N, C-alpha and C. Protein backbone atom coordinates (compact mmCIF):
# COMPACT_ATOMS: atom_id res chain seq x y z
N MET A 1 0.80 -1.21 -0.04
CA MET A 1 -0.09 0.03 -0.01
C MET A 1 1.00 1.37 0.07
N ILE A 2 0.77 2.17 -0.77
CA ILE A 2 1.36 3.28 -0.94
C ILE A 2 0.90 4.48 0.03
N GLU A 3 1.89 4.97 0.83
CA GLU A 3 1.45 5.90 1.90
C GLU A 3 0.84 7.20 1.18
N SER A 4 -0.12 7.73 1.98
CA SER A 4 -0.63 8.84 1.49
C SER A 4 0.38 10.21 1.24
N SER A 5 1.38 9.99 1.98
CA SER A 5 2.27 11.26 2.03
C SER A 5 3.32 11.01 0.80
N THR A 6 3.38 9.94 -0.02
CA THR A 6 4.02 10.06 -0.93
C THR A 6 3.50 10.92 -2.18
N PRO A 7 4.33 11.67 -2.78
CA PRO A 7 3.98 12.63 -3.77
C PRO A 7 3.52 11.59 -5.06
N PRO A 8 2.58 12.10 -5.46
CA PRO A 8 1.89 11.21 -6.78
C PRO A 8 3.02 11.58 -8.08
N ILE A 9 3.04 10.54 -8.92
CA ILE A 9 3.79 10.54 -10.11
C ILE A 9 3.14 11.50 -11.02
N ARG A 10 3.88 12.72 -11.54
CA ARG A 10 3.22 13.78 -12.30
C ARG A 10 3.32 13.43 -13.79
N LEU A 11 2.28 13.31 -14.50
CA LEU A 11 2.61 12.95 -16.06
C LEU A 11 2.30 14.10 -16.89
N LEU A 12 2.81 14.16 -17.89
CA LEU A 12 2.54 14.75 -19.12
C LEU A 12 1.84 13.89 -20.45
N VAL A 13 0.88 13.99 -20.91
CA VAL A 13 0.35 13.26 -21.93
C VAL A 13 0.39 13.86 -23.06
N VAL A 14 1.21 13.39 -24.23
CA VAL A 14 1.28 13.97 -25.71
C VAL A 14 0.76 13.20 -26.45
N ASP A 15 -0.28 13.61 -27.41
CA ASP A 15 -0.73 12.78 -28.45
C ASP A 15 -1.66 13.65 -29.37
N ASP A 16 -1.55 13.77 -30.66
CA ASP A 16 -2.70 14.47 -31.34
C ASP A 16 -4.06 13.90 -31.43
N HIS A 17 -4.17 12.92 -30.77
CA HIS A 17 -5.70 12.51 -30.85
C HIS A 17 -6.35 12.49 -29.64
N PRO A 18 -7.35 13.40 -29.35
CA PRO A 18 -8.04 13.50 -28.01
C PRO A 18 -8.42 12.32 -27.25
N LEU A 19 -8.79 11.30 -27.98
CA LEU A 19 -9.53 9.88 -27.51
C LEU A 19 -8.26 9.18 -26.78
N ILE A 20 -7.22 9.29 -27.47
CA ILE A 20 -6.14 8.59 -26.84
C ILE A 20 -5.46 9.23 -25.59
N ARG A 21 -5.60 10.60 -25.45
CA ARG A 21 -5.35 11.43 -24.21
C ARG A 21 -6.39 10.96 -23.17
N ASP A 22 -7.72 11.04 -23.63
CA ASP A 22 -8.65 10.64 -22.75
C ASP A 22 -8.56 9.31 -22.08
N GLY A 23 -8.03 8.43 -22.90
CA GLY A 23 -8.07 6.91 -22.62
C GLY A 23 -6.66 6.96 -21.74
N VAL A 24 -5.61 7.63 -21.85
CA VAL A 24 -4.58 7.41 -20.92
C VAL A 24 -5.18 8.07 -19.57
N GLY A 25 -5.76 9.26 -19.55
CA GLY A 25 -6.27 9.92 -18.33
C GLY A 25 -7.26 9.16 -17.53
N ALA A 26 -7.95 8.26 -18.37
CA ALA A 26 -8.96 7.36 -17.53
C ALA A 26 -8.24 6.36 -16.66
N VAL A 27 -7.24 5.65 -17.49
CA VAL A 27 -6.30 4.76 -16.80
C VAL A 27 -5.59 5.28 -15.47
N ILE A 28 -4.96 6.42 -15.90
CA ILE A 28 -4.20 7.09 -14.86
C ILE A 28 -5.16 7.54 -13.49
N ALA A 29 -6.29 7.84 -13.88
CA ALA A 29 -7.43 8.53 -12.76
C ALA A 29 -7.57 7.43 -11.82
N SER A 30 -7.56 6.29 -12.13
CA SER A 30 -7.88 5.15 -11.12
C SER A 30 -6.64 4.70 -10.35
N GLU A 31 -5.35 5.33 -10.55
CA GLU A 31 -4.30 4.91 -9.64
C GLU A 31 -4.00 6.11 -8.83
N PRO A 32 -4.07 5.82 -7.48
CA PRO A 32 -3.86 6.81 -6.43
C PRO A 32 -2.53 7.54 -6.41
N ASP A 33 -1.46 6.89 -6.95
CA ASP A 33 0.01 7.37 -7.02
C ASP A 33 0.32 8.10 -8.29
N MET A 34 -0.62 8.21 -9.14
CA MET A 34 -0.45 9.00 -10.31
C MET A 34 -1.37 10.07 -10.63
N VAL A 35 -0.84 11.18 -11.27
CA VAL A 35 -1.82 12.23 -11.81
C VAL A 35 -1.22 12.80 -13.03
N VAL A 36 -2.13 13.17 -13.97
CA VAL A 36 -2.03 13.83 -15.12
C VAL A 36 -1.99 15.36 -15.13
N VAL A 37 -0.80 16.08 -15.12
CA VAL A 37 -0.68 17.48 -14.77
C VAL A 37 -0.89 18.30 -15.93
N ALA A 38 -0.73 17.80 -17.36
CA ALA A 38 -0.91 18.48 -18.60
C ALA A 38 -0.99 17.68 -19.69
N GLU A 39 -1.31 18.15 -20.67
CA GLU A 39 -1.74 17.33 -22.00
C GLU A 39 -1.12 18.27 -23.15
N ALA A 40 -0.84 17.54 -24.40
CA ALA A 40 -0.23 18.33 -25.51
C ALA A 40 -0.92 17.75 -26.68
N GLY A 41 -1.04 18.39 -27.69
CA GLY A 41 -1.51 17.81 -29.04
C GLY A 41 -0.51 17.63 -30.11
N ASP A 42 0.66 18.46 -29.93
CA ASP A 42 1.68 18.56 -31.09
C ASP A 42 3.09 18.67 -30.26
N GLY A 43 4.21 18.41 -31.12
CA GLY A 43 5.34 18.41 -30.34
C GLY A 43 5.83 19.79 -30.06
N ILE A 44 5.55 20.78 -30.52
CA ILE A 44 6.02 22.24 -30.06
C ILE A 44 5.24 22.41 -28.65
N GLU A 45 3.98 22.19 -28.49
CA GLU A 45 3.03 22.29 -27.41
C GLU A 45 3.62 21.32 -26.41
N ALA A 46 4.20 20.06 -26.64
CA ALA A 46 4.67 19.37 -25.81
C ALA A 46 5.94 19.89 -24.92
N LEU A 47 6.78 20.52 -25.77
CA LEU A 47 7.96 20.84 -25.11
C LEU A 47 7.56 22.41 -24.17
N ALA A 48 6.64 23.08 -24.58
CA ALA A 48 6.10 24.04 -23.80
C ALA A 48 5.55 23.57 -22.45
N GLN A 49 4.66 22.70 -22.50
CA GLN A 49 4.07 22.07 -21.41
C GLN A 49 5.22 21.48 -20.38
N PHE A 50 6.09 20.80 -21.01
CA PHE A 50 7.24 20.27 -20.24
C PHE A 50 8.10 21.29 -19.63
N ASP A 51 8.24 22.35 -20.19
CA ASP A 51 8.83 23.50 -19.38
C ASP A 51 8.14 24.04 -18.36
N GLN A 52 6.67 24.26 -18.67
CA GLN A 52 5.97 24.58 -17.55
C GLN A 52 5.85 23.80 -16.28
N HIS A 53 5.64 22.58 -16.59
CA HIS A 53 4.95 21.62 -15.54
C HIS A 53 6.29 20.59 -15.08
N ARG A 54 7.42 20.50 -15.78
CA ARG A 54 8.54 19.62 -15.30
C ARG A 54 7.73 18.38 -14.90
N PRO A 55 7.29 17.31 -15.55
CA PRO A 55 6.48 16.36 -15.12
C PRO A 55 7.69 15.10 -14.65
N ASP A 56 7.23 14.28 -13.99
CA ASP A 56 8.09 13.12 -13.57
C ASP A 56 8.27 12.08 -14.87
N VAL A 57 7.24 11.90 -15.57
CA VAL A 57 7.25 10.94 -16.62
C VAL A 57 6.52 11.63 -17.87
N THR A 58 6.81 11.80 -19.02
CA THR A 58 6.12 12.30 -20.20
C THR A 58 5.64 10.95 -20.97
N LEU A 59 4.66 11.02 -21.37
CA LEU A 59 3.90 9.88 -22.28
C LEU A 59 3.69 10.45 -23.74
N LEU A 60 4.49 9.84 -24.63
CA LEU A 60 4.64 10.61 -26.05
C LEU A 60 4.31 9.70 -27.03
N ASP A 61 3.58 10.46 -27.97
CA ASP A 61 3.36 9.63 -29.36
C ASP A 61 4.63 9.85 -30.14
N LEU A 62 4.75 9.00 -31.27
CA LEU A 62 5.96 9.36 -32.33
C LEU A 62 5.58 10.00 -33.32
N GLN A 63 4.22 9.99 -33.81
CA GLN A 63 3.77 10.65 -35.09
C GLN A 63 2.86 11.84 -34.68
N MET A 64 3.47 13.06 -34.85
CA MET A 64 2.59 14.15 -34.39
C MET A 64 2.78 15.31 -35.31
N PRO A 65 1.98 16.40 -35.18
CA PRO A 65 2.21 17.65 -36.07
C PRO A 65 3.35 18.42 -35.66
N ARG A 66 3.84 19.31 -36.42
CA ARG A 66 4.94 20.29 -36.17
C ARG A 66 6.17 19.85 -35.74
N MET A 67 6.37 18.53 -34.94
CA MET A 67 7.58 18.09 -34.57
C MET A 67 7.39 16.71 -34.23
N SER A 68 8.31 15.78 -34.57
CA SER A 68 8.21 14.38 -34.52
C SER A 68 8.58 13.96 -33.13
N GLY A 69 7.98 12.96 -32.56
CA GLY A 69 8.07 12.26 -31.38
C GLY A 69 9.71 12.06 -30.99
N HIS A 70 10.39 11.61 -32.06
CA HIS A 70 11.90 11.28 -31.96
C HIS A 70 12.57 12.69 -31.56
N ALA A 71 12.24 13.74 -32.17
CA ALA A 71 12.93 15.10 -32.14
C ALA A 71 12.57 15.64 -30.72
N VAL A 72 11.22 15.48 -30.20
CA VAL A 72 10.64 15.92 -28.87
C VAL A 72 11.53 15.19 -27.82
N ILE A 73 11.75 14.00 -27.94
CA ILE A 73 12.44 13.11 -26.93
C ILE A 73 13.79 13.75 -26.84
N ALA A 74 14.40 13.86 -28.00
CA ALA A 74 15.82 14.23 -27.89
C ALA A 74 15.82 15.67 -27.15
N GLU A 75 14.77 16.53 -27.45
CA GLU A 75 15.04 18.02 -27.02
C GLU A 75 14.67 18.01 -25.52
N ILE A 76 13.69 17.09 -25.03
CA ILE A 76 13.40 17.17 -23.60
C ILE A 76 14.58 16.57 -22.93
N ARG A 77 15.40 15.59 -23.46
CA ARG A 77 16.62 15.14 -22.57
C ARG A 77 17.71 16.12 -22.75
N ARG A 78 17.76 16.83 -23.73
CA ARG A 78 18.66 18.08 -23.86
C ARG A 78 18.43 19.01 -22.69
N ARG A 79 17.19 19.35 -22.51
CA ARG A 79 16.69 20.38 -21.57
C ARG A 79 16.82 19.90 -20.38
N SER A 80 16.57 18.43 -20.03
CA SER A 80 16.46 17.89 -18.76
C SER A 80 17.09 16.52 -18.79
N PRO A 81 18.40 16.43 -18.74
CA PRO A 81 18.98 15.03 -19.01
C PRO A 81 18.33 13.94 -18.07
N SER A 82 17.69 14.36 -16.94
CA SER A 82 17.30 13.12 -16.16
C SER A 82 15.66 12.96 -16.39
N ALA A 83 15.21 13.55 -17.54
CA ALA A 83 13.77 13.38 -17.83
C ALA A 83 13.49 12.17 -18.17
N ARG A 84 12.46 11.48 -17.82
CA ARG A 84 12.01 10.17 -18.37
C ARG A 84 10.64 10.13 -19.29
N VAL A 85 10.72 9.43 -20.32
CA VAL A 85 9.85 9.76 -21.50
C VAL A 85 9.59 8.17 -21.89
N ILE A 86 8.05 7.90 -21.80
CA ILE A 86 7.60 6.54 -22.20
C ILE A 86 6.77 6.87 -23.57
N VAL A 87 7.20 6.01 -24.73
CA VAL A 87 6.48 6.35 -25.97
C VAL A 87 5.40 5.34 -26.02
N LEU A 88 4.37 6.12 -26.55
CA LEU A 88 3.03 5.39 -26.95
C LEU A 88 2.75 5.45 -28.23
N THR A 89 2.70 4.33 -28.87
CA THR A 89 2.64 4.15 -30.33
C THR A 89 1.88 3.06 -31.00
N THR A 90 1.59 3.13 -32.12
CA THR A 90 0.87 2.12 -32.85
C THR A 90 1.88 1.17 -33.69
N TYR A 91 3.17 1.79 -33.61
CA TYR A 91 4.33 0.98 -34.43
C TYR A 91 4.97 0.04 -33.63
N ARG A 92 4.80 -1.12 -34.24
CA ARG A 92 5.35 -2.53 -33.70
C ARG A 92 6.77 -2.44 -34.07
N GLY A 93 7.27 -1.79 -34.94
CA GLY A 93 8.61 -1.83 -35.42
C GLY A 93 9.80 -1.82 -34.63
N ASP A 94 10.74 -2.98 -34.57
CA ASP A 94 11.78 -2.81 -33.74
C ASP A 94 12.70 -1.64 -33.94
N VAL A 95 12.73 -1.10 -35.33
CA VAL A 95 13.81 -0.04 -35.62
C VAL A 95 13.16 1.30 -34.88
N GLN A 96 11.82 1.45 -34.98
CA GLN A 96 11.34 2.71 -34.26
C GLN A 96 11.57 2.56 -32.94
N ALA A 97 11.22 1.35 -32.30
CA ALA A 97 11.52 1.33 -30.97
C ALA A 97 13.03 1.66 -30.50
N LEU A 98 14.12 1.12 -31.43
CA LEU A 98 15.42 1.32 -31.12
C LEU A 98 15.74 2.60 -31.31
N ARG A 99 15.15 3.62 -32.35
CA ARG A 99 15.23 4.81 -32.55
C ARG A 99 15.01 5.62 -31.24
N ALA A 100 13.98 5.36 -30.79
CA ALA A 100 13.35 5.99 -29.61
C ALA A 100 14.25 5.97 -28.53
N LEU A 101 14.71 4.63 -28.17
CA LEU A 101 15.51 4.36 -27.11
C LEU A 101 16.80 5.20 -27.29
N LYS A 102 17.29 5.25 -28.34
CA LYS A 102 18.66 5.97 -28.65
C LYS A 102 18.39 7.49 -28.57
N ALA A 103 17.23 7.94 -28.76
CA ALA A 103 16.93 9.39 -28.66
C ALA A 103 16.92 9.78 -27.07
N GLY A 104 16.62 8.71 -26.28
CA GLY A 104 16.47 9.06 -24.89
C GLY A 104 15.17 8.50 -24.16
N ALA A 105 14.30 7.93 -24.83
CA ALA A 105 13.06 7.29 -24.19
C ALA A 105 13.54 6.12 -23.28
N SER A 106 12.74 5.90 -22.24
CA SER A 106 12.95 4.78 -21.05
C SER A 106 12.01 3.80 -21.42
N GLY A 107 10.92 4.00 -22.06
CA GLY A 107 9.75 3.05 -22.17
C GLY A 107 9.25 3.16 -23.67
N TYR A 108 8.52 1.95 -24.19
CA TYR A 108 7.98 1.93 -25.33
C TYR A 108 6.70 0.91 -25.17
N ILE A 109 5.60 1.33 -25.25
CA ILE A 109 4.55 0.62 -25.23
C ILE A 109 3.47 1.00 -26.31
N LEU A 110 2.74 -0.06 -26.71
CA LEU A 110 1.73 0.01 -27.90
C LEU A 110 0.34 0.54 -27.33
N LYS A 111 -0.27 1.44 -28.16
CA LYS A 111 -1.35 1.90 -27.80
C LYS A 111 -2.59 1.11 -27.41
N ASN A 112 -2.64 -0.18 -28.31
CA ASN A 112 -3.53 -1.09 -27.99
C ASN A 112 -3.36 -1.99 -26.71
N ALA A 113 -2.27 -1.58 -25.87
CA ALA A 113 -2.01 -2.28 -24.81
C ALA A 113 -1.84 -1.39 -23.60
N ILE A 114 -2.54 0.00 -23.73
CA ILE A 114 -2.43 0.88 -22.57
C ILE A 114 -2.95 0.28 -21.24
N ARG A 115 -4.19 -0.29 -21.34
CA ARG A 115 -4.64 -0.71 -20.12
C ARG A 115 -3.81 -1.73 -19.58
N LYS A 116 -3.17 -2.60 -20.29
CA LYS A 116 -2.64 -3.67 -19.73
C LYS A 116 -1.16 -3.29 -19.30
N ASP A 117 -0.29 -2.33 -20.01
CA ASP A 117 0.93 -2.21 -19.71
C ASP A 117 1.28 -0.61 -19.09
N LEU A 118 0.40 0.30 -19.20
CA LEU A 118 0.76 1.64 -18.83
C LEU A 118 1.20 1.80 -17.48
N VAL A 119 0.33 1.25 -16.52
CA VAL A 119 0.75 1.60 -15.27
C VAL A 119 1.99 0.99 -14.72
N ALA A 120 2.26 -0.25 -15.09
CA ALA A 120 3.44 -0.99 -14.85
C ALA A 120 4.79 -0.06 -15.35
N ALA A 121 4.42 0.29 -16.67
CA ALA A 121 5.52 0.96 -17.41
C ALA A 121 5.76 2.36 -16.72
N VAL A 122 4.85 3.18 -16.18
CA VAL A 122 4.98 4.42 -15.52
C VAL A 122 5.71 4.18 -14.33
N ARG A 123 5.34 3.06 -13.33
CA ARG A 123 6.15 2.77 -12.24
C ARG A 123 7.47 2.39 -12.40
N ASP A 124 7.84 1.55 -13.50
CA ASP A 124 9.30 1.04 -13.85
C ASP A 124 9.96 2.24 -14.22
N VAL A 125 9.27 3.25 -15.00
CA VAL A 125 10.40 4.22 -15.72
C VAL A 125 10.57 5.17 -14.52
N HIS A 126 9.64 5.72 -13.82
CA HIS A 126 9.83 6.26 -12.81
C HIS A 126 10.96 6.09 -11.59
N ALA A 127 10.79 4.81 -11.62
CA ALA A 127 11.78 4.26 -10.59
C ALA A 127 13.30 4.09 -11.22
N GLY A 128 13.47 4.34 -12.43
CA GLY A 128 14.74 4.37 -13.12
C GLY A 128 15.05 3.42 -13.97
N LYS A 129 14.11 2.27 -14.11
CA LYS A 129 14.35 1.19 -15.05
C LYS A 129 13.59 1.49 -16.43
N ARG A 130 13.87 0.49 -17.29
CA ARG A 130 13.33 0.61 -18.57
C ARG A 130 12.20 -0.21 -18.83
N PHE A 131 11.26 0.18 -19.62
CA PHE A 131 10.06 -0.88 -19.93
C PHE A 131 9.85 -0.86 -21.42
N LEU A 132 9.80 -2.06 -21.80
CA LEU A 132 9.46 -2.33 -23.23
C LEU A 132 8.29 -3.28 -23.48
N ALA A 133 7.49 -3.13 -24.24
CA ALA A 133 6.32 -4.02 -24.53
C ALA A 133 6.92 -5.26 -24.88
N PRO A 134 6.52 -6.55 -24.36
CA PRO A 134 7.18 -7.85 -24.48
C PRO A 134 7.43 -8.25 -25.90
N ASP A 135 6.46 -8.02 -26.76
CA ASP A 135 6.61 -8.57 -27.95
C ASP A 135 7.73 -7.61 -28.67
N ILE A 136 7.67 -6.22 -28.35
CA ILE A 136 8.58 -5.40 -29.03
C ILE A 136 10.17 -5.81 -28.52
N ALA A 137 10.32 -6.14 -27.35
CA ALA A 137 11.44 -6.63 -26.83
C ALA A 137 11.86 -7.88 -27.34
N ALA A 138 11.05 -8.74 -27.64
CA ALA A 138 11.41 -9.82 -28.15
C ALA A 138 11.81 -9.80 -29.71
N GLU A 139 11.03 -8.91 -30.53
CA GLU A 139 11.38 -8.57 -31.85
C GLU A 139 12.77 -7.82 -31.76
N MET A 140 13.07 -6.88 -30.89
CA MET A 140 14.39 -6.15 -31.00
C MET A 140 15.38 -7.29 -30.58
N SER A 141 15.41 -8.13 -29.91
CA SER A 141 16.29 -9.17 -29.62
C SER A 141 16.56 -9.98 -30.95
N LEU A 142 15.69 -10.28 -31.47
CA LEU A 142 15.77 -11.04 -32.69
C LEU A 142 16.54 -10.49 -33.82
N ARG A 143 16.09 -9.22 -34.26
CA ARG A 143 16.55 -8.37 -35.00
C ARG A 143 18.06 -7.81 -34.88
N LEU A 144 18.33 -7.57 -33.57
CA LEU A 144 19.76 -7.05 -33.35
C LEU A 144 20.83 -8.47 -33.42
N MET A 145 20.22 -9.43 -33.64
CA MET A 145 21.39 -10.44 -33.94
C MET A 145 21.65 -10.50 -35.58
N GLU A 146 20.51 -9.82 -36.17
CA GLU A 146 20.70 -9.98 -37.63
C GLU A 146 21.46 -8.91 -38.30
N ASN A 147 21.87 -8.82 -39.49
CA ASN A 147 22.58 -7.74 -40.36
C ASN A 147 21.60 -6.62 -40.41
N GLN A 148 21.79 -5.40 -40.02
CA GLN A 148 21.10 -4.20 -40.20
C GLN A 148 21.27 -3.60 -41.48
N LEU A 149 20.29 -2.93 -42.20
CA LEU A 149 20.67 -2.13 -43.20
C LEU A 149 21.43 -0.73 -42.97
N SER A 150 22.39 -0.61 -43.89
CA SER A 150 23.20 0.70 -43.89
C SER A 150 22.43 1.84 -43.95
N GLN A 151 22.96 2.78 -43.72
CA GLN A 151 22.32 4.28 -43.89
C GLN A 151 22.04 4.27 -45.47
N ARG A 152 22.77 4.12 -46.38
CA ARG A 152 22.55 4.17 -47.71
C ARG A 152 21.59 3.15 -48.13
N GLU A 153 21.38 2.06 -47.69
CA GLU A 153 20.35 1.02 -47.95
C GLU A 153 19.08 1.41 -47.45
N MET A 154 18.98 2.04 -46.28
CA MET A 154 17.66 2.66 -45.75
C MET A 154 17.11 3.81 -46.82
N GLU A 155 18.34 4.59 -47.40
CA GLU A 155 17.85 5.64 -48.33
C GLU A 155 17.25 4.94 -49.67
N VAL A 156 17.91 3.81 -50.04
CA VAL A 156 17.39 3.21 -51.27
C VAL A 156 16.11 2.72 -51.18
N ILE A 157 15.77 1.96 -50.03
CA ILE A 157 14.52 1.42 -49.82
C ILE A 157 13.44 2.38 -49.63
N GLY A 158 13.83 3.47 -49.01
CA GLY A 158 12.80 4.55 -48.93
C GLY A 158 12.68 5.24 -50.35
N ALA A 159 13.55 5.19 -51.21
CA ALA A 159 13.33 5.82 -52.48
C ALA A 159 12.45 4.91 -53.35
N VAL A 160 12.65 3.51 -53.02
CA VAL A 160 11.84 2.59 -53.89
C VAL A 160 10.33 2.60 -53.45
N ALA A 161 10.11 2.89 -52.25
CA ALA A 161 8.88 2.98 -51.59
C ALA A 161 7.94 4.06 -52.09
N THR A 162 8.76 5.20 -52.62
CA THR A 162 8.17 6.34 -53.26
C THR A 162 7.98 6.04 -54.81
N GLY A 163 8.46 5.25 -55.32
CA GLY A 163 8.29 4.91 -56.67
C GLY A 163 9.30 5.21 -57.51
N GLY A 164 9.34 4.57 -58.79
CA GLY A 164 10.53 4.88 -59.56
C GLY A 164 11.28 3.55 -59.81
N ASP A 165 11.95 3.66 -61.15
CA ASP A 165 12.84 2.40 -61.49
C ASP A 165 14.29 2.54 -61.00
N ASN A 166 15.24 1.73 -61.07
CA ASN A 166 16.34 1.89 -60.47
C ASN A 166 17.19 3.21 -61.30
N LYS A 167 17.03 3.45 -62.47
CA LYS A 167 17.50 4.79 -62.91
C LYS A 167 17.11 5.97 -62.32
N GLU A 168 15.90 6.04 -62.16
CA GLU A 168 15.26 7.20 -61.23
C GLU A 168 15.78 7.39 -59.94
N ILE A 169 15.77 6.26 -59.26
CA ILE A 169 16.39 6.23 -57.90
C ILE A 169 17.64 6.60 -57.90
N ALA A 170 18.48 6.10 -58.86
CA ALA A 170 19.98 6.49 -58.89
C ALA A 170 20.16 8.01 -58.96
N HIS A 171 19.25 8.42 -60.05
CA HIS A 171 19.44 9.92 -60.17
C HIS A 171 19.01 10.78 -59.03
N ARG A 172 18.01 10.29 -58.34
CA ARG A 172 17.54 10.91 -57.08
C ARG A 172 18.43 10.79 -56.00
N LEU A 173 19.23 9.83 -55.89
CA LEU A 173 20.28 9.71 -54.77
C LEU A 173 21.59 10.17 -55.03
N GLY A 174 21.75 10.19 -56.24
CA GLY A 174 23.17 10.81 -56.82
C GLY A 174 24.05 9.60 -56.88
N ILE A 175 23.75 8.33 -57.23
CA ILE A 175 24.64 7.25 -57.39
C ILE A 175 24.34 6.60 -58.82
N SER A 176 25.01 5.57 -58.91
CA SER A 176 24.95 4.88 -60.27
C SER A 176 23.90 3.87 -60.11
N GLU A 177 23.33 3.50 -61.42
CA GLU A 177 22.27 2.60 -61.40
C GLU A 177 22.49 1.27 -61.06
N GLU A 178 24.00 0.78 -61.33
CA GLU A 178 24.48 -0.37 -60.97
C GLU A 178 24.44 -0.53 -59.32
N THR A 179 24.93 0.68 -58.75
CA THR A 179 24.98 0.68 -57.31
C THR A 179 23.72 0.47 -56.58
N VAL A 180 22.62 1.08 -57.29
CA VAL A 180 21.22 0.61 -56.71
C VAL A 180 20.86 -0.64 -56.75
N LYS A 181 21.35 -1.47 -57.70
CA LYS A 181 21.05 -2.80 -57.89
C LYS A 181 21.90 -3.45 -56.87
N THR A 182 23.01 -3.17 -56.56
CA THR A 182 23.95 -3.66 -55.55
C THR A 182 23.37 -3.62 -54.23
N HIS A 183 22.85 -2.43 -53.86
CA HIS A 183 22.09 -2.22 -52.60
C HIS A 183 20.69 -2.92 -52.51
N MET A 184 19.86 -2.90 -53.72
CA MET A 184 18.77 -3.71 -53.44
C MET A 184 18.99 -5.30 -53.34
N LYS A 185 19.99 -5.85 -53.83
CA LYS A 185 20.30 -7.13 -53.77
C LYS A 185 20.48 -7.45 -52.20
N SER A 186 21.31 -6.61 -51.66
CA SER A 186 21.67 -6.68 -50.35
C SER A 186 20.49 -6.45 -49.18
N ILE A 187 19.60 -5.65 -49.65
CA ILE A 187 18.41 -5.27 -48.95
C ILE A 187 17.45 -6.43 -48.88
N LEU A 188 17.25 -6.95 -50.02
CA LEU A 188 16.37 -8.18 -50.15
C LEU A 188 16.97 -9.17 -49.41
N ALA A 189 18.35 -9.58 -49.26
CA ALA A 189 18.68 -10.55 -48.71
C ALA A 189 18.78 -10.44 -46.90
N LYS A 190 19.07 -9.22 -46.57
CA LYS A 190 18.97 -8.70 -45.16
C LYS A 190 17.48 -8.69 -44.77
N LEU A 191 16.43 -8.47 -45.38
CA LEU A 191 15.11 -8.27 -45.05
C LEU A 191 14.53 -9.83 -45.42
N GLY A 192 14.98 -10.52 -45.92
CA GLY A 192 14.49 -11.89 -46.13
C GLY A 192 13.30 -11.77 -47.17
N ALA A 193 13.33 -10.94 -47.87
CA ALA A 193 12.43 -10.47 -49.14
C ALA A 193 12.54 -11.07 -50.42
N THR A 194 11.47 -11.62 -51.22
CA THR A 194 11.87 -12.00 -52.51
C THR A 194 11.82 -10.99 -53.44
N ASP A 195 10.98 -9.91 -53.37
CA ASP A 195 11.01 -8.55 -54.41
C ASP A 195 10.88 -7.37 -53.77
N ARG A 196 10.91 -6.44 -54.56
CA ARG A 196 11.08 -5.21 -54.05
C ARG A 196 9.70 -4.56 -53.27
N LEU A 197 8.60 -5.18 -53.69
CA LEU A 197 7.15 -4.67 -52.89
C LEU A 197 7.31 -5.37 -51.53
N GLN A 198 7.85 -6.66 -51.33
CA GLN A 198 7.79 -7.25 -50.00
C GLN A 198 8.80 -6.54 -49.27
N ALA A 199 9.89 -6.10 -49.77
CA ALA A 199 11.02 -5.33 -49.14
C ALA A 199 10.35 -4.04 -48.60
N VAL A 200 9.75 -3.40 -49.10
CA VAL A 200 9.19 -2.26 -48.67
C VAL A 200 8.12 -2.44 -47.56
N LEU A 201 7.23 -3.68 -47.81
CA LEU A 201 6.30 -3.77 -46.65
C LEU A 201 7.02 -4.15 -45.30
N ILE A 202 8.09 -5.03 -45.61
CA ILE A 202 8.80 -5.43 -44.21
C ILE A 202 9.49 -4.21 -43.60
N ALA A 203 9.96 -3.45 -44.58
CA ALA A 203 10.60 -2.15 -44.16
C ALA A 203 9.76 -1.22 -43.30
N VAL A 204 8.58 -0.92 -43.75
CA VAL A 204 7.26 -0.32 -43.27
C VAL A 204 7.17 -0.86 -41.78
N ARG A 205 6.83 -2.46 -41.92
CA ARG A 205 6.40 -3.11 -40.77
C ARG A 205 7.18 -2.87 -39.63
N ARG A 206 8.65 -2.95 -39.90
CA ARG A 206 9.75 -2.92 -39.00
C ARG A 206 9.95 -1.53 -38.52
N GLY A 207 9.40 -0.70 -39.29
CA GLY A 207 9.79 0.97 -38.73
C GLY A 207 11.06 1.55 -39.57
N ILE A 208 11.61 0.57 -40.36
CA ILE A 208 12.75 1.23 -41.10
C ILE A 208 12.45 2.42 -41.95
N ILE A 209 11.58 2.38 -42.52
CA ILE A 209 10.87 3.61 -43.21
C ILE A 209 9.49 3.97 -42.87
N ASP A 210 8.98 5.06 -43.04
CA ASP A 210 7.53 5.62 -42.46
C ASP A 210 6.64 5.03 -43.73
N PRO A 211 5.55 4.55 -43.30
CA PRO A 211 4.28 4.45 -44.44
C PRO A 211 4.18 5.51 -45.34
N VAL A 212 4.01 5.05 -46.68
CA VAL A 212 3.94 6.01 -47.80
C VAL A 212 2.39 6.52 -47.94
N SER A 213 2.33 7.85 -47.49
CA SER A 213 0.88 8.32 -47.53
C SER A 213 0.21 8.50 -48.81
């Protein structure tokens, strides 16, 4: 039983969807040792609210208007190196999770598991631990043992996703057509894909590239 004299964990909730913020608020409202002190609907507002309230833990979406979640994490940690951030996302991709952790996040959970994982994640992160959704942690462990795409290979698969043949991609990236072919061969092998379309779909699922709108 948590003593009444213990200050509650103060939370900032950042998501551009009000329903998600409401859902998080409903879960937190049932916990006597937690309180939502502020909300924000985009990255710029998130930084303003962080500066004003200095929450113990920030709950943050990755895909937001005006400033990406990764950029917000990095900026929050620059302003306050001891700040603790938990990512709330729909992206299961291990690469997205790894990017968030490298930017300074301490936790990564999926929005469809908020009711199951959120409270435990907040308590763990507030205590100085890390919290990863179990399926994300398993995916990361598996993928980190495999060959990762190089920066140029990520640029190539990103260009493939937006359309165009090898010649067009080569012109866009300032490399030769033969180099594009060599990179694509490596990409297919590393992703375990049989063709370009499957490679793009795998890259999107893993968070290597963003979905094409």
